[in-house]
Amino acid sequence: MVLRENLIFYGIAGILFAIAIIIMLATHKLKINTIPSLFVALSNGYGLVLLCIAFGYGFVELPRRLWLTADPGYGYRIKLNQMYKEINLCAESVANADASLDIYRIAEENINHDMISKFISLCKNKADRINLLKSSLPIPDKYYSSQPTNKMINVVRKTDWSTCTLSNIEDFLCLLDQTAEALDQCKNFVLATSKQAERALYDYKSSFSNKIKPKITKIFKKILSIILIVIFVIICCWGEVTLVFSKPQINLLYAITNSGIPIGTKQALFTFPYISFLLFIGGWTLINARVGSFYRFIPHATNANTLNYWAVLICRLGPTIGYHYLLQIGVPKTSFGEVMGIMDDVSSIGDYWNYLSPILMIIVGIFVGFNLWAKIKNCCSCFGNYLDTFTNEEEKNIQLGEEVLKELSIDASNWIEENPRLSVSSILKSYESELKEFDTVDI
């Protein structure tokens, strides 16, 4: 089934690509001898789009997260909100597992005699593994209330097992594999998230003491956040703007690299640290991003597929960062630039990319910085914005996350019972009282 879906996807993409080439040839925007350059340009364009999205997200979200989590109470609530989301994913995975096991029982009873031995030999161990993974999930059963969400379930349910073929069994095997992997991911991620939430609660508990470490940590995070924002605006964002107007001479990086400082010193103090920093931002974004259920980083439990995708994306991102750096310092005429610069052979791509890339990066940064996507979703529903960017519904979710944390962590439960100020309801009341005091101040 997956192979058929992939073939259909790539077939449609190939047809659309062929139509686009025909249109470009007919309108004289592309020549036959530049078609190979088009493939290279599209490959480079993919890397540049990835660069803009990674930097637009990372350069805004990292300092924003540092600034917000400098408040231990807010950082604790963020982790609980994340835990609630994992509970929902876990509930969906359990619902998918129950539906898959129901299909297995129905198939075992109704499958034709010729295929039953093949079915049992291929599927029984996988079904047993799903049962084992379900029983090992750390979340209590009362939190599992969801409907199956895997679209393959509805497809496999339509199978007539009395006349099934080997292809039908292969489709069911694919469903069992997906279900088992989702359960395994949920188990690992819930445990990892609960440890992070417990650590955030401990940090919040420590903030009530007179120790100097929590205060220094808070100041350090806010200073580091400001430094990252300054680097983003002055160096990266302004560097992109200079590329738009083809004036790298007014770029700070250009001024440094074309100064009288010895080459070795410039490379050691500016080039290598700057490119390494950009790679760190790109890698941080890729680690914190999640694409569906097949790409997500789980502490100490990331699967091989995610690591493979991450390595491929980093290998695509790294050369693009190097090429972009060469453009910003005004050195496009290099052997490396000859390969990447082949985009210019296709005018419809090369001529406009310098305008589109900074715009895309800035748009992504604005969406992340002002949390516009969440606000757009709120505008389409009945939820109003609450304190500290949390909605009323999210506050309920956070409280549910705390309930689960208390069941998973004895230490967290004891801390909250000993000091009720640590509970999320008390944190929310303290924020509300601070806001009321601010509203009553005469200006």
Protein backbone atom coordinates (compact mmCIF):
# COMPACT_ATOMS: atom_id res chain seq x y z
CA MET A 1 0.00 0.00 0.00
CA VAL A 2 2.77 2.42 0.95
CA LEU A 3 4.64 1.60 -2.28
CA ARG A 4 1.51 2.23 -4.33
CA GLU A 5 0.89 5.54 -2.54
CA ASN A 6 4.49 6.64 -3.14
CA LEU A 7 4.29 5.70 -6.82
CA ILE A 8 1.08 7.69 -7.19
CA PHE A 9 2.62 10.71 -5.44
CA TYR A 10 5.81 10.70 -7.52
CA GLY A 11 3.82 10.02 -10.67
CA ILE A 12 1.62 13.09 -10.10
CA ALA A 13 4.67 15.19 -9.17
CA GLY A 14 6.47 14.04 -12.33
CA ILE A 15 3.49 14.93 -14.53
CA LEU A 16 3.21 18.41 -12.99
CA PHE A 17 6.96 18.93 -13.40
CA ALA A 18 6.79 17.88 -17.07
CA ILE A 19 3.89 20.29 -17.66
CA ALA A 20 5.88 23.11 -16.01
CA ILE A 21 8.90 22.41 -18.27
CA ILE A 22 6.69 22.43 -21.38
CA ILE A 23 5.16 25.79 -20.35
CA MET A 24 8.61 27.30 -19.65
CA LEU A 25 9.91 26.06 -23.02
CA ALA A 26 6.85 27.44 -24.82
CA THR A 27 7.21 30.86 -23.18
CA HIS A 28 10.99 30.93 -23.91
CA LYS A 29 11.86 31.12 -20.20
CA LEU A 30 13.84 27.90 -20.52
CA LYS A 31 16.06 26.41 -23.20
CA ILE A 32 16.57 22.73 -23.84
CA ASN A 33 20.29 22.96 -23.05
CA THR A 34 19.52 24.50 -19.63
CA ILE A 35 17.19 21.69 -18.49
CA PRO A 36 20.06 19.96 -16.57
CA SER A 37 20.74 23.29 -14.88
CA LEU A 38 17.07 23.40 -13.89
CA PHE A 39 17.42 20.15 -11.93
CA VAL A 40 20.48 21.50 -10.10
CA ALA A 41 18.72 24.81 -9.48
CA LEU A 42 15.69 23.09 -7.99
CA SER A 43 17.95 20.99 -5.76
CA ASN A 44 19.77 24.12 -4.58
CA GLY A 45 16.44 25.91 -4.19
CA TYR A 46 15.26 23.12 -1.89
CA GLY A 47 18.32 23.69 0.29
CA LEU A 48 17.75 27.45 0.32
CA VAL A 49 14.08 27.04 1.28
CA LEU A 50 15.19 24.72 4.08
CA LEU A 51 17.73 27.34 5.18
CA CYS A 52 15.14 30.12 5.30
CA ILE A 53 12.64 28.04 7.27
CA ALA A 54 15.30 26.74 9.69
CA PHE A 55 16.72 30.20 10.36
CA GLY A 56 13.33 31.91 10.45
CA TYR A 57 12.22 29.42 13.10
CA GLY A 58 15.45 28.93 15.05
CA PHE A 59 16.58 32.56 15.32
CA VAL A 60 13.21 33.55 16.77
CA GLU A 61 12.09 30.49 18.71
CA LEU A 62 15.39 29.82 20.51
CA PRO A 63 15.71 33.32 22.10
CA ARG A 64 11.95 33.40 22.69
CA ARG A 65 12.07 30.06 24.49
CA LEU A 66 15.09 31.14 26.54
CA TRP A 67 13.34 34.35 27.58
CA LEU A 68 10.07 32.66 28.55
CA THR A 69 11.65 29.73 30.38
CA ALA A 70 13.75 32.17 32.41
CA ASP A 71 10.56 32.26 34.51
CA PRO A 72 10.61 28.75 36.11
CA GLY A 73 6.83 28.77 36.63
CA TYR A 74 6.18 29.45 32.97
CA GLY A 75 8.76 26.84 31.94
CA TYR A 76 6.97 24.28 34.12
CA ARG A 77 3.64 25.05 32.46
CA ILE A 78 5.20 24.70 28.99
CA LYS A 79 6.40 21.20 29.87
CA LEU A 80 2.98 20.24 31.23
CA ASN A 81 1.31 21.51 28.07
CA GLN A 82 3.73 19.40 26.06
CA MET A 83 2.91 16.41 28.26
CA TYR A 84 -0.80 16.86 27.59
CA LYS A 85 -0.14 16.81 23.85
CA GLU A 86 1.81 13.58 24.26
CA ILE A 87 -1.10 12.09 26.24
CA ASN A 88 -3.41 12.85 23.32
CA LEU A 89 -1.00 11.27 20.85
CA CYS A 90 -0.73 8.28 23.15
CA ALA A 91 -4.52 7.97 23.31
CA GLU A 92 -4.72 8.07 19.50
CA SER A 93 -2.02 5.41 19.24
CA VAL A 94 -3.87 3.17 21.71
CA ALA A 95 -7.11 3.62 19.73
CA ASN A 96 -5.23 2.67 16.55
CA ALA A 97 -3.77 -0.35 18.34
CA ASP A 98 -7.20 -1.52 19.56
CA ALA A 99 -8.63 -1.17 16.05
CA SER A 100 -5.67 -3.06 14.54
CA LEU A 101 -6.05 -5.90 17.04
CA ASP A 102 -9.79 -6.09 16.30
CA ILE A 103 -8.96 -6.43 12.61
CA TYR A 104 -6.44 -9.16 13.48
CA ARG A 105 -9.06 -11.16 15.39
CA ILE A 106 -11.62 -10.77 12.61
CA ALA A 107 -9.07 -11.80 9.99
CA GLU A 108 -7.94 -14.81 12.03
CA GLU A 109 -11.53 -16.08 12.21
CA ASN A 110 -12.52 -15.42 8.59
CA ILE A 111 -9.39 -15.78 6.47
CA ASN A 112 -9.46 -18.48 3.79
CA HIS A 113 -7.79 -21.81 4.51
CA ASP A 114 -5.03 -21.35 1.91
CA MET A 115 -3.74 -18.15 3.51
CA ILE A 116 -4.22 -18.80 7.23
CA SER A 117 -0.80 -20.33 7.87
CA LYS A 118 0.90 -17.48 6.02
CA PHE A 119 -1.21 -14.94 7.93
CA ILE A 120 -0.44 -16.45 11.34
CA SER A 121 3.30 -16.76 10.66
CA LEU A 122 3.58 -13.15 9.51
CA CYS A 123 1.12 -11.31 11.76
CA LYS A 124 0.90 -13.12 15.11
CA ASN A 125 4.25 -11.93 16.50
CA LYS A 126 3.48 -8.36 15.46
CA ALA A 127 0.05 -8.46 17.11
CA ASP A 128 1.62 -9.88 20.30
CA ARG A 129 4.19 -7.07 20.26
CA ILE A 130 1.40 -4.48 20.02
CA ASN A 131 -0.32 -6.04 23.05
CA LEU A 132 2.97 -5.98 24.96
CA LEU A 133 3.65 -2.34 24.07
CA LYS A 134 0.10 -1.37 25.05
CA SER A 135 0.46 -2.97 28.47
CA SER A 136 3.81 -1.23 29.06
CA LEU A 137 2.49 2.30 28.48
CA PRO A 138 2.96 4.36 31.67
CA ILE A 139 -0.24 6.42 31.38
CA PRO A 140 -3.32 5.16 33.30
CA ASP A 141 -6.15 3.73 31.18
CA LYS A 142 -8.61 6.46 32.24
CA TYR A 143 -6.81 8.95 29.98
CA TYR A 144 -7.35 6.83 26.87
CA SER A 145 -10.47 8.15 25.16
CA SER A 146 -9.94 8.65 21.47
CA GLN A 147 -10.93 7.38 18.04
CA PRO A 148 -8.49 5.72 15.62
CA THR A 149 -6.83 8.25 13.34
CA ASN A 150 -4.74 6.07 11.03
CA LYS A 151 -6.34 6.20 7.58
CA MET A 152 -5.00 2.75 6.76
CA ILE A 153 -7.38 1.24 9.32
CA ASN A 154 -10.45 2.13 7.25
CA VAL A 155 -8.76 0.74 4.13
CA VAL A 156 -7.81 -2.58 5.77
CA ARG A 157 -11.25 -2.92 7.39
CA LYS A 158 -12.79 -3.20 3.92
CA THR A 159 -10.75 -6.31 3.17
CA ASP A 160 -12.76 -9.47 2.50
CA TRP A 161 -10.59 -11.96 4.37
CA SER A 162 -12.39 -14.96 2.90
CA THR A 163 -10.92 -14.06 -0.50
CA CYS A 164 -7.84 -12.11 0.59
CA THR A 165 -4.55 -12.11 -1.28
CA LEU A 166 -0.93 -11.76 -0.22
CA SER A 167 -1.15 -8.07 -1.09
CA ASN A 168 -3.93 -7.63 1.51
CA ILE A 169 -1.77 -9.31 4.15
CA GLU A 170 1.15 -7.03 3.26
CA ASP A 171 -1.09 -3.99 3.73
CA PHE A 172 -2.12 -5.28 7.15
CA LEU A 173 1.53 -5.94 8.07
CA CYS A 174 2.32 -2.33 7.20
CA LEU A 175 -0.51 -1.18 9.51
CA LEU A 176 0.78 -3.36 12.36
CA ASP A 177 4.32 -2.00 11.94
CA GLN A 178 3.10 1.60 11.99
CA THR A 179 0.98 0.94 15.07
CA ALA A 180 3.80 -0.74 16.99
CA GLU A 181 6.25 2.04 16.13
CA ALA A 182 3.76 4.72 17.25
CA LEU A 183 3.21 2.94 20.59
CA ASP A 184 6.94 2.58 21.15
CA GLN A 185 7.49 6.27 20.38
CA CYS A 186 4.67 7.31 22.73
CA LYS A 187 6.07 5.28 25.59
CA ASN A 188 9.57 6.73 25.21
CA PHE A 189 8.43 10.30 24.65
CA VAL A 190 5.95 10.33 27.55
CA LEU A 191 8.65 9.09 29.91
CA ALA A 192 11.13 11.66 28.56
CA THR A 193 8.57 14.47 28.80
CA SER A 194 7.65 13.50 32.37
CA LYS A 195 11.33 13.69 33.37
CA GLN A 196 11.62 17.12 31.75
CA ALA A 197 8.47 18.30 33.54
CA GLU A 198 9.78 16.93 36.84
CA ARG A 199 13.05 18.81 36.30
CA ALA A 200 11.12 22.01 35.47
CA LEU A 201 9.07 21.58 38.66
CA TYR A 202 12.28 21.13 40.66
CA ASP A 203 13.69 24.34 39.16
CA TYR A 204 10.47 26.15 40.05
CA LYS A 205 10.66 24.78 43.60
CA SER A 206 14.28 25.94 43.86
CA SER A 207 13.30 29.46 42.78
CA PHE A 208 11.52 29.93 46.14
CA SER A 209 14.76 29.41 48.02
CA ASN A 210 17.35 32.08 48.72
CA LYS A 211 19.98 30.33 46.61
CA ILE A 212 21.86 32.45 44.11
CA LYS A 213 21.89 29.83 41.30
CA PRO A 214 18.21 30.26 40.20
CA LYS A 215 18.65 34.04 40.04
CA ILE A 216 21.86 33.77 38.00
CA THR A 217 20.22 31.26 35.65
CA LYS A 218 17.28 33.60 35.07
CA ILE A 219 19.56 36.57 34.29
CA PHE A 220 21.83 34.45 32.08
CA LYS A 221 18.94 33.14 29.98
CA LYS A 222 17.54 36.62 29.38
CA ILE A 223 20.94 38.07 28.45
CA LEU A 224 21.62 35.15 26.10
CA SER A 225 18.18 35.65 24.55
CA ILE A 226 18.93 39.32 23.84
CA ILE A 227 22.34 38.44 22.33
CA LEU A 228 20.75 35.91 19.97
CA ILE A 229 18.13 38.43 18.84
CA VAL A 230 20.86 41.03 18.16
CA ILE A 231 22.85 38.49 16.10
CA PHE A 232 19.74 37.60 14.13
CA VAL A 233 18.75 41.19 13.36
CA ILE A 234 22.15 42.83 12.82
CA ILE A 235 24.03 40.02 11.08
CA CYS A 236 21.63 37.51 9.52
CA CYS A 237 18.54 39.57 8.76
CA TRP A 238 20.51 42.62 7.59
CA GLY A 239 22.78 40.36 5.54
CA GLU A 240 19.74 39.01 3.71
CA VAL A 241 18.52 42.54 3.01
CA THR A 242 21.88 43.50 1.49
CA LEU A 243 21.59 40.53 -0.87
CA VAL A 244 18.18 41.77 -2.02
CA PHE A 245 19.70 45.06 -3.17
CA SER A 246 22.95 43.41 -4.35
CA LYS A 247 25.00 45.59 -1.98
CA PRO A 248 27.00 43.25 0.26
CA GLN A 249 29.45 46.13 0.90
CA ILE A 250 27.14 47.48 3.63
CA ASN A 251 27.06 44.11 5.37
CA LEU A 252 28.96 43.69 8.66
CA LEU A 253 30.39 40.35 7.55
CA TYR A 254 31.68 41.92 4.34
CA ALA A 255 33.38 44.70 6.30
CA ILE A 256 35.10 42.21 8.62
CA THR A 257 36.28 39.80 5.92
CA ASN A 258 37.58 42.61 3.69
CA SER A 259 39.44 44.39 6.48
CA GLY A 260 43.19 44.32 7.01
CA ILE A 261 43.02 41.50 9.57
CA PRO A 262 45.20 38.49 8.60
CA ILE A 263 43.27 35.73 6.81
CA GLY A 264 44.04 33.07 9.42
CA THR A 265 42.81 35.32 12.22
CA LYS A 266 39.61 36.17 10.33
CA GLN A 267 38.90 32.50 9.68
CA ALA A 268 39.57 31.51 13.29
CA LEU A 269 37.69 34.39 14.94
CA PHE A 270 34.83 35.04 12.50
CA THR A 271 34.33 32.56 9.65
CA PHE A 272 34.42 29.24 11.51
CA PRO A 273 32.49 30.44 14.61
CA TYR A 274 29.83 32.13 12.46
CA ILE A 275 29.25 29.14 10.16
CA SER A 276 29.30 26.77 13.17
CA PHE A 277 26.73 28.96 14.89
CA LEU A 278 24.49 28.88 11.81
CA LEU A 279 24.81 25.09 11.64
CA PHE A 280 23.89 24.91 15.33
CA ILE A 281 20.74 26.99 14.73
CA GLY A 282 19.79 24.82 11.75
CA GLY A 283 20.44 21.60 13.65
CA TRP A 284 18.52 22.86 16.71
CA THR A 285 15.54 23.66 14.50
CA LEU A 286 15.62 20.23 12.87
CA ILE A 287 15.82 18.52 16.27
CA ASN A 288 12.91 20.51 17.69
CA ALA A 289 10.76 20.18 14.57
CA ARG A 290 8.33 17.34 14.13
CA VAL A 291 7.03 16.13 10.78
CA GLY A 292 4.09 13.77 11.20
CA SER A 293 5.02 10.69 13.22
CA PHE A 294 8.03 9.58 11.17
CA TYR A 295 10.38 12.44 12.10
CA ARG A 296 10.76 13.31 15.75
CA PHE A 297 13.64 13.34 18.18
CA ILE A 298 13.07 11.39 21.39
CA PRO A 299 15.71 11.64 24.14
CA HIS A 300 17.68 8.37 24.21
CA ALA A 301 15.13 6.66 21.91
CA THR A 302 15.24 8.34 18.50
CA ASN A 303 14.75 5.76 15.76
CA ALA A 304 17.11 5.22 12.83
CA ASN A 305 14.74 6.79 10.28
CA THR A 306 14.69 10.15 12.05
CA LEU A 307 18.48 10.17 12.44
CA ASN A 308 18.82 9.34 8.74
CA TYR A 309 16.45 12.15 7.71
CA TRP A 310 18.26 14.57 10.03
CA ALA A 311 21.66 13.66 8.56
CA VAL A 312 20.34 14.12 5.01
CA LEU A 313 18.83 17.52 5.85
CA ILE A 314 21.99 18.70 7.61
CA CYS A 315 24.05 17.62 4.57
CA ARG A 316 21.70 19.69 2.42
CA LEU A 317 21.73 22.62 4.84
CA GLY A 318 25.50 22.76 5.41
CA PRO A 319 26.63 23.53 1.83
CA THR A 320 23.79 26.03 1.46
CA ILE A 321 24.98 27.90 4.57
CA GLY A 322 28.50 27.98 3.13
CA TYR A 323 27.24 29.29 -0.21
CA HIS A 324 25.09 31.90 1.50
CA TYR A 325 28.06 33.05 3.58
CA LEU A 326 30.17 33.49 0.42
CA LEU A 327 27.43 35.64 -1.10
CA GLN A 328 27.21 37.82 2.01
CA ILE A 329 30.95 38.52 2.06
CA GLY A 330 30.93 39.28 -1.67
CA VAL A 331 32.90 36.23 -2.90
CA PRO A 332 30.59 34.47 -5.40
CA LYS A 333 33.39 33.59 -7.86
CA THR A 334 34.68 30.37 -6.30
CA SER A 335 34.72 26.72 -7.34
CA PHE A 336 31.99 26.10 -4.80
CA GLY A 337 30.00 29.04 -6.14
CA GLU A 338 30.23 27.66 -9.68
CA VAL A 339 28.26 24.60 -8.61
CA MET A 340 25.69 26.41 -6.46
CA GLY A 341 25.55 29.40 -8.80
CA ILE A 342 24.18 27.27 -11.61
CA MET A 343 20.79 28.53 -10.41
CA ASP A 344 21.52 31.70 -12.38
CA ASP A 345 21.37 29.72 -15.63
CA VAL A 346 17.59 29.49 -15.16
CA SER A 347 16.51 33.11 -15.01
CA SER A 348 13.03 32.38 -13.68
CA ILE A 349 14.64 30.87 -10.56
CA GLY A 350 17.97 32.67 -10.15
CA ASP A 351 16.70 36.20 -10.78
CA TYR A 352 14.04 36.12 -8.10
CA TRP A 353 15.60 33.99 -5.38
CA ASN A 354 17.47 36.86 -3.70
CA TYR A 355 14.12 38.58 -3.23
CA LEU A 356 12.15 35.55 -2.10
CA SER A 357 14.61 34.01 0.39
CA PRO A 358 14.82 36.92 2.90
CA ILE A 359 11.07 37.52 2.60
CA LEU A 360 10.39 33.85 3.39
CA MET A 361 12.78 33.87 6.36
CA ILE A 362 11.28 37.06 7.80
CA ILE A 363 7.70 35.79 7.33
CA VAL A 364 8.55 32.54 9.14
CA GLY A 365 10.21 34.55 11.92
CA ILE A 366 7.14 36.79 12.31
CA PHE A 367 4.80 33.79 12.48
CA VAL A 368 6.97 32.15 15.14
CA GLY A 369 7.70 35.30 17.14
CA PHE A 370 4.08 36.43 17.42
CA ASN A 371 2.67 32.90 17.55
CA LEU A 372 0.42 33.89 14.63
CA TRP A 373 -0.53 30.36 13.64
CA ALA A 374 -1.98 29.63 17.10
CA LYS A 375 -3.75 33.01 17.12
CA ILE A 376 -5.25 32.35 13.69
CA LYS A 377 -6.57 29.03 14.98
CA ASN A 378 -7.97 30.78 18.06
CA CYS A 379 -9.75 33.35 15.87
CA CYS A 380 -11.44 30.50 14.02
CA SER A 381 -12.69 29.01 17.30
CA CYS A 382 -14.38 30.33 20.41
CA PHE A 383 -11.30 30.37 22.64
CA GLY A 384 -10.02 33.72 23.87
CA ASN A 385 -6.37 34.47 24.57
CA TYR A 386 -5.33 33.88 28.16
CA LEU A 387 -2.38 35.04 30.19
CA ASP A 388 1.12 34.32 28.88
CA THR A 389 -0.15 33.17 25.46
CA PHE A 390 -2.04 30.21 26.97
CA THR A 391 -5.74 29.91 26.13
CA ASN A 392 -8.46 28.88 28.60
CA GLU A 393 -8.56 25.44 27.01
CA GLU A 394 -4.78 25.09 27.28
CA GLU A 395 -4.93 25.92 31.00
CA LYS A 396 -7.28 22.95 31.48
CA ASN A 397 -4.90 20.81 29.45
CA ILE A 398 -1.98 21.92 31.62
CA GLN A 399 -3.84 20.90 34.77
CA LEU A 400 -4.51 17.49 33.23
CA GLY A 401 -0.81 17.23 32.37
CA GLU A 402 0.01 17.91 36.02
CA GLU A 403 -2.37 15.14 37.12
CA VAL A 404 -0.54 12.67 34.88
CA LEU A 405 2.85 13.91 36.10
CA LYS A 406 1.82 13.27 39.71
CA GLU A 407 0.90 9.70 38.78
CA LEU A 408 4.16 9.11 36.91
CA SER A 409 6.50 10.82 39.38
CA ILE A 410 6.33 10.21 43.12
CA ASP A 411 8.75 13.07 43.76
CA ALA A 412 6.62 15.55 41.81
CA SER A 413 3.49 14.43 43.66
CA ASN A 414 5.20 14.83 47.04
CA TRP A 415 6.58 18.27 46.18
CA ILE A 416 3.16 19.58 45.16
CA GLU A 417 1.46 18.10 48.24
CA GLU A 418 4.08 19.59 50.56
CA ASN A 419 3.97 23.00 48.88
CA PRO A 420 0.63 23.82 47.17
CA ARG A 421 2.21 26.95 45.66
CA LEU A 422 3.88 24.65 43.12
CA SER A 423 0.59 23.55 41.53
CA VAL A 424 -0.39 25.10 38.20
CA SER A 425 -3.61 26.48 39.67
CA SER A 426 -1.57 28.46 42.23
CA ILE A 427 0.82 29.65 39.51
CA LEU A 428 -2.13 30.88 37.46
CA LYS A 429 -3.62 32.73 40.45
CA SER A 430 -0.29 34.46 41.11
CA TYR A 431 -0.15 35.64 37.48
CA GLU A 432 -3.74 36.90 37.72
CA SER A 433 -3.01 38.83 40.92
CA GLU A 434 0.11 40.39 39.35
CA LEU A 435 -1.94 41.45 36.34
CA LYS A 436 -4.64 43.01 38.55
CA GLU A 437 -2.00 44.94 40.50
CA PHE A 438 -0.55 46.20 37.22
CA ASP A 439 -3.99 47.29 36.01
CA THR A 440 -4.61 49.30 39.19
CA VAL A 441 -1.34 51.26 38.96
CA ASP A 442 -1.91 54.93 38.13
CA ILE A 443 0.02 56.11 35.11
